[in-house]
Amino acid sequence: MSNLDISQPAQVIWSAPDELTRQQTGDPGTVRQFDNLIDAVVFTLEGLPERYRESAHIKVSNGSSLYFDQIKLIYAEIVRS
């Protein structure tokens, strides 16, 4: 996480795994904006219902995306600090 700017704005995007129509049409599902990456990570692992978490990814303002395994690693670092 050391090379990530945790203060940058982030966007969480997720869809329900059982919503095949959304996946087939390319609809990204639901989106929520956050002022910083830390809030986005915490929301993904604490705020989203468990069935949506693995489908979630986070887009950060620098253009990169973080996927579930990366989100879990960042969350583990947050919890330890």
PDB file of N, CA and C in Angstrom:
ATOM      1  N   MET A   1       0.822  -1.192   0.000  1.00  0.00           N
ATOM      2  CA  MET A   1       0.000   0.000   0.000  1.00  0.00           C
ATOM      3  C   MET A   1       0.864   1.253   0.000  1.00  0.00           C
ATOM      4  N   SER A   2       2.119   1.110   0.273  1.00  0.00           N
ATOM      5  CA  SER A   2       2.981   2.276   0.430  1.00  0.00           C
ATOM      6  C   SER A   2       3.034   3.166  -0.811  1.00  0.00           C
ATOM      7  N   ASN A   3       2.804   2.622  -1.994  1.00  0.00           N
ATOM      8  CA  ASN A   3       2.860   3.449  -3.195  1.00  0.00           C
ATOM      9  C   ASN A   3       1.490   4.009  -3.585  1.00  0.00           C
ATOM     10  N   LEU A   4       0.465   3.733  -2.807  1.00  0.00           N
ATOM     11  CA  LEU A   4      -0.867   4.272  -3.068  1.00  0.00           C
ATOM     12  C   LEU A   4      -1.101   5.528  -2.252  1.00  0.00           C
ATOM     13  N   ASP A   5      -1.703   6.501  -2.878  1.00  0.00           N
ATOM     14  CA  ASP A   5      -2.090   7.722  -2.178  1.00  0.00           C
ATOM     15  C   ASP A   5      -3.466   7.479  -1.576  1.00  0.00           C
ATOM     16  N   ILE A   6      -3.516   7.241  -0.281  1.00  0.00           N
ATOM     17  CA  ILE A   6      -4.785   6.887   0.368  1.00  0.00           C
ATOM     18  C   ILE A   6      -5.732   8.076   0.502  1.00  0.00           C
ATOM     19  N   SER A   7      -5.231   9.276   0.210  1.00  0.00           N
ATOM     20  CA  SER A   7      -6.095  10.457   0.311  1.00  0.00           C
ATOM     21  C   SER A   7      -6.810  10.765  -1.009  1.00  0.00           C
ATOM     22  N   GLN A   8      -6.484  10.035  -2.074  1.00  0.00           N
ATOM     23  CA  GLN A   8      -7.107  10.320  -3.363  1.00  0.00           C
ATOM     24  C   GLN A   8      -8.559   9.835  -3.405  1.00  0.00           C
ATOM     25  N   PRO A   9      -9.415  10.534  -4.143  1.00  0.00           N
ATOM     26  CA  PRO A   9     -10.804  10.103  -4.286  1.00  0.00           C
ATOM     27  C   PRO A   9     -10.882   8.718  -4.932  1.00  0.00           C
ATOM     28  N   ALA A  10     -11.922   7.996  -4.595  1.00  0.00           N
ATOM     29  CA  ALA A  10     -12.084   6.641  -5.121  1.00  0.00           C
ATOM     30  C   ALA A  10     -13.560   6.355  -5.369  1.00  0.00           C
ATOM     31  N   GLN A  11     -13.795   5.377  -6.209  1.00  0.00           N
ATOM     32  CA  GLN A  11     -15.142   4.992  -6.601  1.00  0.00           C
ATOM     33  C   GLN A  11     -15.251   3.479  -6.455  1.00  0.00           C
ATOM     34  N   VAL A  12     -16.266   3.022  -5.717  1.00  0.00           N
ATOM     35  CA  VAL A  12     -16.518   1.596  -5.594  1.00  0.00           C
ATOM     36  C   VAL A  12     -17.600   1.234  -6.597  1.00  0.00           C
ATOM     37  N   ILE A  13     -17.349   0.179  -7.354  1.00  0.00           N
ATOM     38  CA  ILE A  13     -18.298  -0.311  -8.344  1.00  0.00           C
ATOM     39  C   ILE A  13     -18.557  -1.778  -8.053  1.00  0.00           C
ATOM     40  N   TRP A  14     -19.820  -2.170  -8.013  1.00  0.00           N
ATOM     41  CA  TRP A  14     -20.137  -3.563  -7.739  1.00  0.00           C
ATOM     42  C   TRP A  14     -21.436  -3.963  -8.433  1.00  0.00           C
ATOM     43  N   SER A  15     -21.618  -5.260  -8.562  1.00  0.00           N
ATOM     44  CA  SER A  15     -22.877  -5.814  -9.058  1.00  0.00           C
ATOM     45  C   SER A  15     -23.108  -7.137  -8.346  1.00  0.00           C
ATOM     46  N   ALA A  16     -24.343  -7.546  -8.287  1.00  0.00           N
ATOM     47  CA  ALA A  16     -24.665  -8.825  -7.667  1.00  0.00           C
ATOM     48  C   ALA A  16     -24.275  -9.942  -8.623  1.00  0.00           C
ATOM     49  N   PRO A  17     -23.619 -10.972  -8.130  1.00  0.00           N
ATOM     50  CA  PRO A  17     -23.206 -12.070  -9.003  1.00  0.00           C
ATOM     51  C   PRO A  17     -24.385 -12.749  -9.697  1.00  0.00           C
ATOM     52  N   ASP A  18     -25.570 -12.657  -9.120  1.00  0.00           N
ATOM     53  CA  ASP A  18     -26.736 -13.316  -9.700  1.00  0.00           C
ATOM     54  C   ASP A  18     -27.481 -12.428 -10.693  1.00  0.00           C
ATOM     55  N   GLU A  19     -26.998 -11.235 -10.944  1.00  0.00           N
ATOM     56  CA  GLU A  19     -27.659 -10.331 -11.871  1.00  0.00           C
ATOM     57  C   GLU A  19     -27.047 -10.489 -13.262  1.00  0.00           C
ATOM     58  N   LEU A  20     -27.383 -11.589 -13.926  1.00  0.00           N
ATOM     59  CA  LEU A  20     -26.798 -11.915 -15.220  1.00  0.00           C
ATOM     60  C   LEU A  20     -27.110 -10.869 -16.274  1.00  0.00           C
ATOM     61  N   THR A  21     -28.284 -10.270 -16.216  1.00  0.00           N
ATOM     62  CA  THR A  21     -28.651  -9.277 -17.216  1.00  0.00           C
ATOM     63  C   THR A  21     -27.665  -8.116 -17.194  1.00  0.00           C
ATOM     64  N   ARG A  22     -27.305  -7.655 -16.023  1.00  0.00           N
ATOM     65  CA  ARG A  22     -26.336  -6.553 -15.928  1.00  0.00           C
ATOM     66  C   ARG A  22     -25.003  -6.959 -16.520  1.00  0.00           C
ATOM     67  N   GLN A  23     -24.558  -8.148 -16.194  1.00  0.00           N
ATOM     68  CA  GLN A  23     -23.266  -8.602 -16.703  1.00  0.00           C
ATOM     69  C   GLN A  23     -23.309  -8.760 -18.222  1.00  0.00           C
ATOM     70  N   GLN A  24     -24.395  -9.263 -18.747  1.00  0.00           N
ATOM     71  CA  GLN A  24     -24.517  -9.481 -20.190  1.00  0.00           C
ATOM     72  C   GLN A  24     -24.591  -8.164 -20.956  1.00  0.00           C
ATOM     73  N   THR A  25     -25.192  -7.147 -20.370  1.00  0.00           N
ATOM     74  CA  THR A  25     -25.331  -5.871 -21.059  1.00  0.00           C
ATOM     75  C   THR A  25     -24.158  -4.935 -20.793  1.00  0.00           C
ATOM     76  N   GLY A  26     -23.267  -5.322 -19.893  1.00  0.00           N
ATOM     77  CA  GLY A  26     -22.121  -4.484 -19.585  1.00  0.00           C
ATOM     78  C   GLY A  26     -22.411  -3.401 -18.561  1.00  0.00           C
ATOM     79  N   ASP A  27     -23.615  -3.414 -17.984  1.00  0.00           N
ATOM     80  CA  ASP A  27     -23.969  -2.451 -16.939  1.00  0.00           C
ATOM     81  C   ASP A  27     -23.065  -2.708 -15.734  1.00  0.00           C
ATOM     82  N   PRO A  28     -22.327  -1.696 -15.259  1.00  0.00           N
ATOM     83  CA  PRO A  28     -21.393  -1.935 -14.154  1.00  0.00           C
ATOM     84  C   PRO A  28     -22.060  -2.184 -12.808  1.00  0.00           C
ATOM     85  N   GLY A  29     -23.374  -2.019 -12.718  1.00  0.00           N
ATOM     86  CA  GLY A  29     -24.026  -2.235 -11.431  1.00  0.00           C
ATOM     87  C   GLY A  29     -24.161  -0.938 -10.671  1.00  0.00           C
ATOM     88  N   THR A  30     -23.832  -0.980  -9.431  1.00  0.00           N
ATOM     89  CA  THR A  30     -23.992   0.178  -8.569  1.00  0.00           C
ATOM     90  C   THR A  30     -22.641   0.831  -8.317  1.00  0.00           C
ATOM     91  N   VAL A  31     -22.643   2.156  -8.212  1.00  0.00           N
ATOM     92  CA  VAL A  31     -21.414   2.929  -8.030  1.00  0.00           C
ATOM     93  C   VAL A  31     -21.597   3.862  -6.841  1.00  0.00           C
ATOM     94  N   ARG A  32     -20.536   4.007  -6.047  1.00  0.00           N
ATOM     95  CA  ARG A  32     -20.562   4.963  -4.940  1.00  0.00           C
ATOM     96  C   ARG A  32     -19.220   5.682  -4.878  1.00  0.00           C
ATOM     97  N   GLN A  33     -19.274   6.992  -4.738  1.00  0.00           N
ATOM     98  CA  GLN A  33     -18.079   7.841  -4.676  1.00  0.00           C
ATOM     99  C   GLN A  33     -17.616   8.034  -3.226  1.00  0.00           C
ATOM    100  N   PHE A  34     -16.303   8.122  -3.043  1.00  0.00           N
ATOM    101  CA  PHE A  34     -15.721   8.386  -1.728  1.00  0.00           C
ATOM    102  C   PHE A  34     -14.647   9.457  -1.856  1.00  0.00           C
ATOM    103  N   ASP A  35     -14.472  10.223  -0.799  1.00  0.00           N
ATOM    104  CA  ASP A  35     -13.457  11.278  -0.781  1.00  0.00           C
ATOM    105  C   ASP A  35     -12.041  10.732  -0.719  1.00  0.00           C
ATOM    106  N   ASN A  36     -11.890   9.497  -0.218  1.00  0.00           N
ATOM    107  CA  ASN A  36     -10.549   8.913  -0.121  1.00  0.00           C
ATOM    108  C   ASN A  36     -10.608   7.399  -0.253  1.00  0.00           C
ATOM    109  N   LEU A  37      -9.464   6.828  -0.558  1.00  0.00           N
ATOM    110  CA  LEU A  37      -9.346   5.390  -0.787  1.00  0.00           C
ATOM    111  C   LEU A  37      -9.670   4.573   0.457  1.00  0.00           C
ATOM    112  N   ILE A  38      -9.258   5.038   1.607  1.00  0.00           N
ATOM    113  CA  ILE A  38      -9.505   4.285   2.841  1.00  0.00           C
ATOM    114  C   ILE A  38     -11.003   4.093   3.068  1.00  0.00           C
ATOM    115  N   ASP A  39     -11.788   5.144   2.908  1.00  0.00           N
ATOM    116  CA  ASP A  39     -13.242   5.018   3.087  1.00  0.00           C
ATOM    117  C   ASP A  39     -13.837   4.038   2.078  1.00  0.00           C
ATOM    118  N   ALA A  40     -13.317   4.041   0.866  1.00  0.00           N
ATOM    119  CA  ALA A  40     -13.806   3.123  -0.164  1.00  0.00           C
ATOM    120  C   ALA A  40     -13.497   1.668   0.202  1.00  0.00           C
ATOM    121  N   VAL A  41     -12.298   1.429   0.713  1.00  0.00           N
ATOM    122  CA  VAL A  41     -11.903   0.077   1.117  1.00  0.00           C
ATOM    123  C   VAL A  41     -12.769  -0.405   2.281  1.00  0.00           C
ATOM    124  N   VAL A  42     -12.937   0.432   3.280  1.00  0.00           N
ATOM    125  CA  VAL A  42     -13.743   0.053   4.451  1.00  0.00           C
ATOM    126  C   VAL A  42     -15.189  -0.211   4.032  1.00  0.00           C
ATOM    127  N   PHE A  43     -15.749   0.634   3.174  1.00  0.00           N
ATOM    128  CA  PHE A  43     -17.114   0.412   2.692  1.00  0.00           C
ATOM    129  C   PHE A  43     -17.223  -0.927   1.972  1.00  0.00           C
ATOM    130  N   THR A  44     -16.246  -1.232   1.133  1.00  0.00           N
ATOM    131  CA  THR A  44     -16.301  -2.473   0.362  1.00  0.00           C
ATOM    132  C   THR A  44     -16.345  -3.695   1.263  1.00  0.00           C
ATOM    133  N   LEU A  45     -15.554  -3.707   2.330  1.00  0.00           N
ATOM    134  CA  LEU A  45     -15.467  -4.895   3.172  1.00  0.00           C
ATOM    135  C   LEU A  45     -16.352  -4.866   4.409  1.00  0.00           C
ATOM    136  N   GLU A  46     -16.889  -3.714   4.751  1.00  0.00           N
ATOM    137  CA  GLU A  46     -17.773  -3.640   5.915  1.00  0.00           C
ATOM    138  C   GLU A  46     -19.186  -3.197   5.551  1.00  0.00           C
ATOM    139  N   GLY A  47     -19.323  -2.354   4.537  1.00  0.00           N
ATOM    140  CA  GLY A  47     -20.622  -1.781   4.210  1.00  0.00           C
ATOM    141  C   GLY A  47     -21.418  -2.549   3.173  1.00  0.00           C
ATOM    142  N   LEU A  48     -20.718  -3.164   2.230  1.00  0.00           N
ATOM    143  CA  LEU A  48     -21.433  -3.932   1.212  1.00  0.00           C
ATOM    144  C   LEU A  48     -21.912  -5.258   1.782  1.00  0.00           C
ATOM    145  N   PRO A  49     -23.090  -5.706   1.402  1.00  0.00           N
ATOM    146  CA  PRO A  49     -23.495  -7.058   1.796  1.00  0.00           C
ATOM    147  C   PRO A  49     -22.464  -8.062   1.266  1.00  0.00           C
ATOM    148  N   GLU A  50     -22.238  -9.109   2.014  1.00  0.00           N
ATOM    149  CA  GLU A  50     -21.182 -10.067   1.682  1.00  0.00           C
ATOM    150  C   GLU A  50     -21.312 -10.629   0.265  1.00  0.00           C
ATOM    151  N   ARG A  51     -22.514 -10.842  -0.202  1.00  0.00           N
ATOM    152  CA  ARG A  51     -22.691 -11.449  -1.527  1.00  0.00           C
ATOM    153  C   ARG A  51     -22.225 -10.545  -2.672  1.00  0.00           C
ATOM    154  N   TYR A  52     -22.041  -9.236  -2.413  1.00  0.00           N
ATOM    155  CA  TYR A  52     -21.588  -8.305  -3.443  1.00  0.00           C
ATOM    156  C   TYR A  52     -20.088  -8.036  -3.397  1.00  0.00           C
ATOM    157  N   ARG A  53     -19.442  -8.379  -2.318  1.00  0.00           N
ATOM    158  CA  ARG A  53     -18.050  -7.957  -2.100  1.00  0.00           C
ATOM    159  C   ARG A  53     -17.080  -8.442  -3.157  1.00  0.00           C
ATOM    160  N   GLU A  54     -17.147  -9.706  -3.543  1.00  0.00           N
ATOM    161  CA  GLU A  54     -16.177 -10.239  -4.499  1.00  0.00           C
ATOM    162  C   GLU A  54     -16.337  -9.642  -5.892  1.00  0.00           C
ATOM    163  N   SER A  55     -17.523  -9.091  -6.182  1.00  0.00           N
ATOM    164  CA  SER A  55     -17.721  -8.467  -7.496  1.00  0.00           C
ATOM    165  C   SER A  55     -17.252  -7.012  -7.508  1.00  0.00           C
ATOM    166  N   ALA A  56     -16.918  -6.480  -6.354  1.00  0.00           N
ATOM    167  CA  ALA A  56     -16.555  -5.058  -6.244  1.00  0.00           C
ATOM    168  C   ALA A  56     -15.121  -4.808  -6.692  1.00  0.00           C
ATOM    169  N   HIS A  57     -14.921  -3.637  -7.263  1.00  0.00           N
ATOM    170  CA  HIS A  57     -13.575  -3.136  -7.504  1.00  0.00           C
ATOM    171  C   HIS A  57     -13.596  -1.635  -7.241  1.00  0.00           C
ATOM    172  N   ILE A  58     -12.413  -1.100  -7.010  1.00  0.00           N
ATOM    173  CA  ILE A  58     -12.276   0.315  -6.678  1.00  0.00           C
ATOM    174  C   ILE A  58     -11.449   0.986  -7.764  1.00  0.00           C
ATOM    175  N   LYS A  59     -12.001   2.062  -8.310  1.00  0.00           N
ATOM    176  CA  LYS A  59     -11.251   2.900  -9.249  1.00  0.00           C
ATOM    177  C   LYS A  59     -10.753   4.107  -8.475  1.00  0.00           C
ATOM    178  N   VAL A  60      -9.470   4.374  -8.585  1.00  0.00           N
ATOM    179  CA  VAL A  60      -8.899   5.526  -7.894  1.00  0.00           C
ATOM    180  C   VAL A  60      -8.625   6.631  -8.908  1.00  0.00           C
ATOM    181  N   SER A  61      -8.458   7.837  -8.413  1.00  0.00           N
ATOM    182  CA  SER A  61      -8.374   9.005  -9.286  1.00  0.00           C
ATOM    183  C   SER A  61      -7.174   8.988 -10.228  1.00  0.00           C
ATOM    184  N   ASN A  62      -6.159   8.191  -9.937  1.00  0.00           N
ATOM    185  CA  ASN A  62      -5.001   8.127 -10.840  1.00  0.00           C
ATOM    186  C   ASN A  62      -5.261   7.215 -12.034  1.00  0.00           C
ATOM    187  N   GLY A  63      -6.471   6.618 -12.095  1.00  0.00           N
ATOM    188  CA  GLY A  63      -6.845   5.784 -13.227  1.00  0.00           C
ATOM    189  C   GLY A  63      -6.695   4.296 -13.014  1.00  0.00           C
ATOM    190  N   SER A  64      -6.077   3.888 -11.934  1.00  0.00           N
ATOM    191  CA  SER A  64      -5.910   2.458 -11.699  1.00  0.00           C
ATOM    192  C   SER A  64      -7.123   1.866 -10.990  1.00  0.00           C
ATOM    193  N   SER A  65      -7.221   0.549 -11.045  1.00  0.00           N
ATOM    194  CA  SER A  65      -8.304  -0.165 -10.383  1.00  0.00           C
ATOM    195  C   SER A  65      -7.727  -1.170  -9.408  1.00  0.00           C
ATOM    196  N   LEU A  66      -8.417  -1.344  -8.316  1.00  0.00           N
ATOM    197  CA  LEU A  66      -8.045  -2.330  -7.307  1.00  0.00           C
ATOM    198  C   LEU A  66      -9.137  -3.381  -7.268  1.00  0.00           C
ATOM    199  N   TYR A  67      -8.734  -4.637  -7.258  1.00  0.00           N
ATOM    200  CA  TYR A  67      -9.697  -5.726  -7.243  1.00  0.00           C
ATOM    201  C   TYR A  67      -9.718  -6.394  -5.873  1.00  0.00           C
ATOM    202  N   PHE A  68     -10.631  -7.341  -5.693  1.00  0.00           N
ATOM    203  CA  PHE A  68     -10.974  -7.849  -4.374  1.00  0.00           C
ATOM    204  C   PHE A  68      -9.763  -8.283  -3.546  1.00  0.00           C
ATOM    205  N   ASP A  69      -8.850  -9.041  -4.125  1.00  0.00           N
ATOM    206  CA  ASP A  69      -7.682  -9.484  -3.352  1.00  0.00           C
ATOM    207  C   ASP A  69      -6.817  -8.308  -2.902  1.00  0.00           C
ATOM    208  N   GLN A  70      -6.666  -7.313  -3.766  1.00  0.00           N
ATOM    209  CA  GLN A  70      -5.901  -6.118  -3.400  1.00  0.00           C
ATOM    210  C   GLN A  70      -6.628  -5.312  -2.319  1.00  0.00           C
ATOM    211  N   ILE A  71      -7.942  -5.234  -2.442  1.00  0.00           N
ATOM    212  CA  ILE A  71      -8.748  -4.509  -1.450  1.00  0.00           C
ATOM    213  C   ILE A  71      -8.596  -5.164  -0.084  1.00  0.00           C
ATOM    214  N   LYS A  72      -8.624  -6.497  -0.044  1.00  0.00           N
ATOM    215  CA  LYS A  72      -8.459  -7.217   1.229  1.00  0.00           C
ATOM    216  C   LYS A  72      -7.096  -6.951   1.855  1.00  0.00           C
ATOM    217  N   LEU A  73      -6.057  -6.884   1.026  1.00  0.00           N
ATOM    218  CA  LEU A  73      -4.715  -6.608   1.551  1.00  0.00           C
ATOM    219  C   LEU A  73      -4.622  -5.210   2.153  1.00  0.00           C
ATOM    220  N   ILE A  74      -5.190  -4.233   1.464  1.00  0.00           N
ATOM    221  CA  ILE A  74      -5.196  -2.860   1.979  1.00  0.00           C
ATOM    222  C   ILE A  74      -5.988  -2.803   3.275  1.00  0.00           C
ATOM    223  N   TYR A  75      -7.125  -3.466   3.312  1.00  0.00           N
ATOM    224  CA  TYR A  75      -7.964  -3.499   4.516  1.00  0.00           C
ATOM    225  C   TYR A  75      -7.187  -4.108   5.688  1.00  0.00           C
ATOM    226  N   ALA A  76      -6.466  -5.183   5.439  1.00  0.00           N
ATOM    227  CA  ALA A  76      -5.677  -5.829   6.500  1.00  0.00           C
ATOM    228  C   ALA A  76      -4.643  -4.861   7.063  1.00  0.00           C
ATOM    229  N   GLU A  77      -4.035  -4.045   6.220  1.00  0.00           N
ATOM    230  CA  GLU A  77      -3.070  -3.045   6.688  1.00  0.00           C
ATOM    231  C   GLU A  77      -3.750  -1.964   7.511  1.00  0.00           C
ATOM    232  N   ILE A  78      -4.956  -1.575   7.106  1.00  0.00           N
ATOM    233  CA  ILE A  78      -5.700  -0.551   7.850  1.00  0.00           C
ATOM    234  C   ILE A  78      -6.039  -1.047   9.240  1.00  0.00           C
ATOM    235  N   VAL A  79      -6.506  -2.279   9.321  1.00  0.00           N
ATOM    236  CA  VAL A  79      -6.917  -2.860  10.606  1.00  0.00           C
ATOM    237  C   VAL A  79      -5.729  -2.980  11.550  1.00  0.00           C
ATOM    238  N   ARG A  80      -4.554  -3.292  10.994  1.00  0.00           N
ATOM    239  CA  ARG A  80      -3.353  -3.430  11.831  1.00  0.00           C
ATOM    240  C   ARG A  80      -2.855  -2.109  12.368  1.00  0.00           C
ATOM    241  N   SER A  81      -3.137  -1.003  11.666  1.00  0.00           N
ATOM    242  CA  SER A  81      -2.593   0.278  12.113  1.00  0.00           C
ATOM    243  C   SER A  81      -3.450   0.961  13.139  1.00  0.00           C
TER     244      SER A  81
END
